[in-house]
Amino acid sequence: GLADVIQERAGRIEMDSLFLDEGFGTLDEETLNRAMSVLEEIRENRMVGIISHVAELKRTIPCQIKVRKGMKGSRLELVGVS
C-alpha cells in the first residue's frame, strides 16, 4: 500500500503514523471514496492523520481534532475522541 511504498523509499524506517495535508480538495467523489478506503485499510496498522477542509471528510471521519481560531489564539475541539 501507500504507506509501505513510502516506508520502502525511506530506507525501511518503521512508520507507525501517516499524515496527509490537504490532499483531497481536487478529487472527484469516486476517487475520494477510493482514497478513504485505502486509508481505512492503512489505519488498521498505523495512525492516520488527515488535515483537510473537505466537507465530506468532516462528515465521514468519526474521530477529529478541530482547530478553532479565536481572539486570544487557537483552541482545540475533540470530536468522537474518548
N, C-alpha and C. Protein backbone atom coordinates (compact mmCIF):
# COMPACT_ATOMS: atom_id res chain seq x y z
N GLY A 1 0.81 -1.19 0.00
CA GLY A 1 0.00 0.00 0.00
C GLY A 1 0.86 1.26 0.00
N LEU A 2 0.21 2.40 0.04
CA LEU A 2 0.86 3.70 0.02
C LEU A 2 1.89 3.85 1.12
N ALA A 3 1.52 3.53 2.35
CA ALA A 3 2.45 3.68 3.48
C ALA A 3 3.65 2.76 3.32
N ASP A 4 3.45 1.57 2.76
CA ASP A 4 4.56 0.65 2.54
C ASP A 4 5.54 1.20 1.50
N VAL A 5 5.02 1.83 0.46
CA VAL A 5 5.89 2.43 -0.56
C VAL A 5 6.71 3.55 0.05
N ILE A 6 6.06 4.40 0.84
CA ILE A 6 6.78 5.50 1.50
C ILE A 6 7.85 4.94 2.43
N GLN A 7 7.49 3.92 3.19
CA GLN A 7 8.43 3.30 4.12
C GLN A 7 9.62 2.72 3.37
N GLU A 8 9.37 2.07 2.26
CA GLU A 8 10.44 1.47 1.45
C GLU A 8 11.39 2.55 0.95
N ARG A 9 10.83 3.65 0.48
CA ARG A 9 11.66 4.75 -0.05
C ARG A 9 12.42 5.47 1.05
N ALA A 10 11.97 5.35 2.27
CA ALA A 10 12.65 5.99 3.40
C ALA A 10 13.69 5.08 4.02
N GLY A 11 14.09 4.04 3.31
CA GLY A 11 15.13 3.15 3.80
C GLY A 11 14.65 2.16 4.83
N ARG A 12 13.41 1.72 4.68
CA ARG A 12 12.79 0.71 5.56
C ARG A 12 12.65 1.21 7.00
N ILE A 13 12.58 2.51 7.19
CA ILE A 13 12.32 3.06 8.52
C ILE A 13 10.90 2.69 8.92
N GLU A 14 10.73 2.20 10.13
CA GLU A 14 9.40 1.82 10.62
C GLU A 14 8.54 3.07 10.80
N MET A 15 7.39 3.08 10.14
CA MET A 15 6.49 4.23 10.23
C MET A 15 5.17 3.77 10.84
N ASP A 16 4.87 4.29 12.02
CA ASP A 16 3.63 3.92 12.69
C ASP A 16 2.53 4.95 12.48
N SER A 17 2.85 6.01 11.75
CA SER A 17 1.84 7.05 11.51
C SER A 17 2.01 7.62 10.11
N LEU A 18 0.92 8.16 9.60
CA LEU A 18 0.91 8.78 8.28
C LEU A 18 0.02 10.01 8.36
N PHE A 19 0.54 11.16 7.97
CA PHE A 19 -0.23 12.40 7.96
C PHE A 19 -0.34 12.91 6.53
N LEU A 20 -1.55 13.28 6.14
CA LEU A 20 -1.79 13.85 4.81
C LEU A 20 -2.35 15.25 5.00
N ASP A 21 -1.75 16.22 4.33
CA ASP A 21 -2.16 17.62 4.47
C ASP A 21 -2.79 18.11 3.17
N GLU A 22 -4.10 18.32 3.20
CA GLU A 22 -4.84 18.90 2.08
C GLU A 22 -4.65 18.14 0.77
N GLY A 23 -4.70 16.85 0.81
CA GLY A 23 -4.52 16.06 -0.40
C GLY A 23 -5.81 15.62 -1.07
N PHE A 24 -6.95 16.23 -0.71
CA PHE A 24 -8.23 15.70 -1.16
C PHE A 24 -9.10 16.69 -1.92
N GLY A 25 -8.76 17.96 -1.91
CA GLY A 25 -9.63 19.00 -2.45
C GLY A 25 -9.95 18.88 -3.93
N THR A 26 -9.06 18.29 -4.72
CA THR A 26 -9.28 18.21 -6.16
C THR A 26 -9.83 16.85 -6.61
N LEU A 27 -10.10 15.95 -5.67
CA LEU A 27 -10.57 14.62 -6.04
C LEU A 27 -12.07 14.61 -6.30
N ASP A 28 -12.49 13.85 -7.33
CA ASP A 28 -13.92 13.67 -7.54
C ASP A 28 -14.44 12.68 -6.49
N GLU A 29 -15.75 12.52 -6.42
CA GLU A 29 -16.36 11.71 -5.36
C GLU A 29 -15.87 10.27 -5.38
N GLU A 30 -15.79 9.67 -6.56
CA GLU A 30 -15.36 8.27 -6.66
C GLU A 30 -13.91 8.10 -6.19
N THR A 31 -13.04 8.99 -6.63
CA THR A 31 -11.63 8.90 -6.24
C THR A 31 -11.46 9.17 -4.75
N LEU A 32 -12.23 10.11 -4.21
CA LEU A 32 -12.19 10.39 -2.78
C LEU A 32 -12.60 9.15 -1.99
N ASN A 33 -13.66 8.48 -2.43
CA ASN A 33 -14.11 7.26 -1.75
C ASN A 33 -13.05 6.17 -1.80
N ARG A 34 -12.39 6.02 -2.94
CA ARG A 34 -11.32 5.02 -3.06
C ARG A 34 -10.16 5.36 -2.15
N ALA A 35 -9.78 6.63 -2.11
CA ALA A 35 -8.68 7.06 -1.24
C ALA A 35 -9.01 6.79 0.22
N MET A 36 -10.24 7.09 0.61
CA MET A 36 -10.64 6.86 2.00
C MET A 36 -10.65 5.37 2.34
N SER A 37 -11.01 4.53 1.38
CA SER A 37 -10.97 3.08 1.60
C SER A 37 -9.55 2.61 1.85
N VAL A 38 -8.61 3.11 1.06
CA VAL A 38 -7.20 2.75 1.24
C VAL A 38 -6.71 3.23 2.61
N LEU A 39 -7.06 4.46 2.98
CA LEU A 39 -6.63 4.98 4.28
C LEU A 39 -7.25 4.19 5.43
N GLU A 40 -8.45 3.72 5.25
CA GLU A 40 -9.10 2.89 6.28
C GLU A 40 -8.32 1.58 6.46
N GLU A 41 -7.83 1.00 5.37
CA GLU A 41 -7.01 -0.21 5.46
C GLU A 41 -5.69 0.08 6.17
N ILE A 42 -5.06 1.20 5.82
CA ILE A 42 -3.80 1.58 6.45
C ILE A 42 -3.99 1.79 7.95
N ARG A 43 -5.15 2.33 8.32
CA ARG A 43 -5.44 2.66 9.71
C ARG A 43 -5.46 1.42 10.62
N GLU A 44 -5.59 0.25 10.03
CA GLU A 44 -5.59 -0.97 10.84
C GLU A 44 -4.24 -1.20 11.51
N ASN A 45 -3.16 -0.73 10.89
CA ASN A 45 -1.81 -0.95 11.41
C ASN A 45 -1.06 0.32 11.78
N ARG A 46 -1.61 1.46 11.43
CA ARG A 46 -0.92 2.74 11.66
C ARG A 46 -1.93 3.81 12.05
N MET A 47 -1.43 4.86 12.69
CA MET A 47 -2.27 6.01 12.95
C MET A 47 -2.28 6.87 11.68
N VAL A 48 -3.45 7.28 11.25
CA VAL A 48 -3.58 8.12 10.06
C VAL A 48 -4.16 9.46 10.48
N GLY A 49 -3.46 10.53 10.14
CA GLY A 49 -3.95 11.89 10.41
C GLY A 49 -4.20 12.61 9.10
N ILE A 50 -5.36 13.24 8.99
CA ILE A 50 -5.72 13.95 7.77
C ILE A 50 -6.00 15.40 8.12
N ILE A 51 -5.34 16.31 7.43
CA ILE A 51 -5.58 17.74 7.60
C ILE A 51 -6.34 18.18 6.35
N SER A 52 -7.60 18.62 6.53
CA SER A 52 -8.41 18.91 5.36
C SER A 52 -9.55 19.86 5.70
N HIS A 53 -10.02 20.57 4.66
CA HIS A 53 -11.20 21.40 4.76
C HIS A 53 -12.35 20.83 3.93
N VAL A 54 -12.19 19.63 3.40
CA VAL A 54 -13.21 19.00 2.56
C VAL A 54 -14.38 18.58 3.45
N ALA A 55 -15.55 19.13 3.15
CA ALA A 55 -16.74 18.90 3.98
C ALA A 55 -17.10 17.42 4.09
N GLU A 56 -16.98 16.67 3.02
CA GLU A 56 -17.32 15.25 3.05
C GLU A 56 -16.47 14.49 4.06
N LEU A 57 -15.21 14.84 4.17
CA LEU A 57 -14.34 14.18 5.15
C LEU A 57 -14.78 14.51 6.57
N LYS A 58 -15.18 15.74 6.79
CA LYS A 58 -15.65 16.14 8.12
C LYS A 58 -16.86 15.32 8.53
N ARG A 59 -17.70 14.94 7.55
CA ARG A 59 -18.90 14.15 7.85
C ARG A 59 -18.59 12.67 8.07
N THR A 60 -17.53 12.16 7.45
CA THR A 60 -17.30 10.72 7.47
C THR A 60 -16.23 10.25 8.45
N ILE A 61 -15.37 11.14 8.91
CA ILE A 61 -14.31 10.73 9.84
C ILE A 61 -14.82 10.91 11.26
N PRO A 62 -14.95 9.82 12.02
CA PRO A 62 -15.58 9.90 13.34
C PRO A 62 -14.74 10.58 14.42
N CYS A 63 -13.44 10.40 14.41
CA CYS A 63 -12.57 11.00 15.44
C CYS A 63 -11.82 12.17 14.82
N GLN A 64 -12.03 13.35 15.40
CA GLN A 64 -11.44 14.56 14.82
C GLN A 64 -10.85 15.46 15.90
N ILE A 65 -9.83 16.18 15.51
CA ILE A 65 -9.31 17.28 16.31
C ILE A 65 -9.51 18.53 15.46
N LYS A 66 -10.44 19.36 15.87
CA LYS A 66 -10.73 20.59 15.12
C LYS A 66 -9.97 21.75 15.76
N VAL A 67 -9.35 22.56 14.93
CA VAL A 67 -8.63 23.74 15.40
C VAL A 67 -9.51 24.95 15.11
N ARG A 68 -9.87 25.65 16.17
CA ARG A 68 -10.74 26.82 16.06
C ARG A 68 -9.93 28.08 16.36
N LYS A 69 -9.97 29.02 15.44
CA LYS A 69 -9.26 30.28 15.63
C LYS A 69 -10.09 31.19 16.53
N GLY A 70 -9.46 31.75 17.54
CA GLY A 70 -10.16 32.63 18.47
C GLY A 70 -9.44 33.95 18.62
N MET A 71 -10.05 34.84 19.40
CA MET A 71 -9.48 36.17 19.62
C MET A 71 -8.12 36.10 20.33
N LYS A 72 -7.97 35.13 21.22
CA LYS A 72 -6.74 35.02 22.02
C LYS A 72 -5.87 33.84 21.58
N GLY A 73 -6.07 33.38 20.37
CA GLY A 73 -5.30 32.26 19.87
C GLY A 73 -6.22 31.12 19.47
N SER A 74 -5.65 30.05 19.03
CA SER A 74 -6.42 28.90 18.59
C SER A 74 -6.76 28.00 19.75
N ARG A 75 -7.86 27.25 19.59
CA ARG A 75 -8.23 26.26 20.60
C ARG A 75 -8.59 24.96 19.88
N LEU A 76 -8.47 23.86 20.59
CA LEU A 76 -8.76 22.55 20.03
C LEU A 76 -10.11 22.07 20.50
N GLU A 77 -10.82 21.41 19.59
CA GLU A 77 -12.08 20.77 19.92
C GLU A 77 -11.96 19.30 19.52
N LEU A 78 -12.16 18.40 20.47
CA LEU A 78 -12.08 16.97 20.20
C LEU A 78 -13.48 16.46 19.88
N VAL A 79 -13.62 15.74 18.77
CA VAL A 79 -14.89 15.19 18.34
C VAL A 79 -14.73 13.68 18.22
N GLY A 80 -15.57 12.92 18.90
CA GLY A 80 -15.53 11.47 18.81
C GLY A 80 -14.32 10.83 19.46
N VAL A 81 -13.63 11.58 20.31
CA VAL A 81 -12.44 11.07 20.99
C VAL A 81 -12.79 10.83 22.44
N SER A 82 -12.51 9.62 22.92
CA SER A 82 -12.83 9.34 24.32
C SER A 82 -11.58 9.24 25.16
